[in-house]
Amino acid sequence: MKQKIQTEIIKYFPEKIKNEIKKLNIENFEEIRLRVLKPIIIKSHDREIILTMDGQAYILSKEELNKTF
């Protein structure tokens, strides 16, 4: 059930962010932190992961955040 909810949540993200989250292959995440001009942080029960692209923390733009919601 939790996996289905996670799939439902990430479908609203822009394609490149959604693909990077899927690559992480996290079975159960509890929270995705989205803040303008800050890295995207994915929190699971035992760790926090900073979303990276090309080896660098992915910084969320205001436009991307607006597209998400």
C-alpha atoms as a PDB file:
ATOM      1  CA  MET A   1       0.000   0.000   0.000  1.00  0.00           C
ATOM      2  CA  LYS A   2       2.782   2.445   0.923  1.00  0.00           C
ATOM      3  CA  GLN A   3       4.531   1.809  -2.401  1.00  0.00           C
ATOM      4  CA  LYS A   4       1.331   2.713  -4.264  1.00  0.00           C
ATOM      5  CA  ILE A   5       1.051   5.974  -2.338  1.00  0.00           C
ATOM      6  CA  GLN A   6       4.672   6.816  -3.166  1.00  0.00           C
ATOM      7  CA  THR A   7       4.026   6.134  -6.857  1.00  0.00           C
ATOM      8  CA  GLU A   8       1.021   8.431  -6.714  1.00  0.00           C
ATOM      9  CA  ILE A   9       3.076  11.196  -5.109  1.00  0.00           C
ATOM     10  CA  ILE A  10       6.048  11.203  -7.484  1.00  0.00           C
ATOM     11  CA  LYS A  11       3.866  11.276 -10.598  1.00  0.00           C
ATOM     12  CA  TYR A  12       3.347  15.001  -9.964  1.00  0.00           C
ATOM     13  CA  PHE A  13       7.049  15.818 -10.188  1.00  0.00           C
ATOM     14  CA  PRO A  14       8.725  17.105 -13.350  1.00  0.00           C
ATOM     15  CA  GLU A  15      10.035  14.197 -15.436  1.00  0.00           C
ATOM     16  CA  LYS A  16      13.751  14.614 -14.697  1.00  0.00           C
ATOM     17  CA  ILE A  17      13.155  14.766 -10.926  1.00  0.00           C
ATOM     18  CA  LYS A  18      10.777  11.813 -11.047  1.00  0.00           C
ATOM     19  CA  ASN A  19      13.353   9.725 -12.922  1.00  0.00           C
ATOM     20  CA  GLU A  20      16.103  10.529 -10.427  1.00  0.00           C
ATOM     21  CA  ILE A  21      13.870   9.599  -7.485  1.00  0.00           C
ATOM     22  CA  LYS A  22      13.023   6.279  -9.162  1.00  0.00           C
ATOM     23  CA  LYS A  23      16.744   5.558  -9.701  1.00  0.00           C
ATOM     24  CA  LEU A  24      17.304   5.733  -5.948  1.00  0.00           C
ATOM     25  CA  ASN A  25      15.110   2.646  -5.565  1.00  0.00           C
ATOM     26  CA  ILE A  26      14.021   3.563  -2.048  1.00  0.00           C
ATOM     27  CA  GLU A  27      11.364   1.138  -0.904  1.00  0.00           C
ATOM     28  CA  ASN A  28       9.778   3.279   1.768  1.00  0.00           C
ATOM     29  CA  PHE A  29      10.251   6.992   1.968  1.00  0.00           C
ATOM     30  CA  GLU A  30       8.410   9.087   4.492  1.00  0.00           C
ATOM     31  CA  GLU A  31       8.973  12.579   3.223  1.00  0.00           C
ATOM     32  CA  ILE A  32      10.254  14.557   0.252  1.00  0.00           C
ATOM     33  CA  ARG A  33      11.439  18.015   1.216  1.00  0.00           C
ATOM     34  CA  LEU A  34      11.004  20.633  -1.486  1.00  0.00           C
ATOM     35  CA  ARG A  35      12.363  24.130  -0.923  1.00  0.00           C
ATOM     36  CA  VAL A  36      13.163  26.745  -3.537  1.00  0.00           C
ATOM     37  CA  LEU A  37      16.893  27.046  -4.252  1.00  0.00           C
ATOM     38  CA  LYS A  38      17.680  24.188  -1.852  1.00  0.00           C
ATOM     39  CA  PRO A  39      18.521  20.528  -2.493  1.00  0.00           C
ATOM     40  CA  ILE A  40      15.666  18.031  -2.654  1.00  0.00           C
ATOM     41  CA  ILE A  41      15.877  15.756   0.387  1.00  0.00           C
ATOM     42  CA  ILE A  42      14.212  12.354   0.576  1.00  0.00           C
ATOM     43  CA  LYS A  43      13.734  10.981   4.067  1.00  0.00           C
ATOM     44  CA  SER A  44      13.275   7.310   4.817  1.00  0.00           C
ATOM     45  CA  HIS A  45      12.854   5.781   8.254  1.00  0.00           C
ATOM     46  CA  ASP A  46      16.598   5.522   8.857  1.00  0.00           C
ATOM     47  CA  ARG A  47      18.311   8.073   6.610  1.00  0.00           C
ATOM     48  CA  GLU A  48      18.095  11.236   4.555  1.00  0.00           C
ATOM     49  CA  ILE A  49      19.194  11.261   0.941  1.00  0.00           C
ATOM     50  CA  ILE A  50      20.031  14.381  -1.025  1.00  0.00           C
ATOM     51  CA  LEU A  51      18.857  13.986  -4.603  1.00  0.00           C
ATOM     52  CA  THR A  52      21.785  14.370  -6.990  1.00  0.00           C
ATOM     53  CA  MET A  53      22.172  14.778 -10.726  1.00  0.00           C
ATOM     54  CA  ASP A  54      25.543  14.474 -12.389  1.00  0.00           C
ATOM     55  CA  GLY A  55      27.185  14.057  -8.992  1.00  0.00           C
ATOM     56  CA  GLN A  56      25.901  17.324  -7.535  1.00  0.00           C
ATOM     57  CA  ALA A  57      23.000  18.123  -5.234  1.00  0.00           C
ATOM     58  CA  TYR A  58      19.956  18.948  -7.326  1.00  0.00           C
ATOM     59  CA  ILE A  59      18.760  22.473  -6.492  1.00  0.00           C
ATOM     60  CA  LEU A  60      15.039  23.013  -6.992  1.00  0.00           C
ATOM     61  CA  SER A  61      14.019  26.122  -8.906  1.00  0.00           C
ATOM     62  CA  LYS A  62      10.880  28.120  -8.210  1.00  0.00           C
ATOM     63  CA  GLU A  63       9.511  27.159 -11.620  1.00  0.00           C
ATOM     64  CA  GLU A  64       9.964  23.449 -10.922  1.00  0.00           C
ATOM     65  CA  LEU A  65       8.261  23.761  -7.569  1.00  0.00           C
ATOM     66  CA  ASN A  66       5.349  25.575  -9.222  1.00  0.00           C
ATOM     67  CA  LYS A  67       5.043  22.796 -11.838  1.00  0.00           C
ATOM     68  CA  THR A  68       4.931  20.198  -9.073  1.00  0.00           C
ATOM     69  CA  PHE A  69       1.832  21.679  -7.441  1.00  0.00           C
END
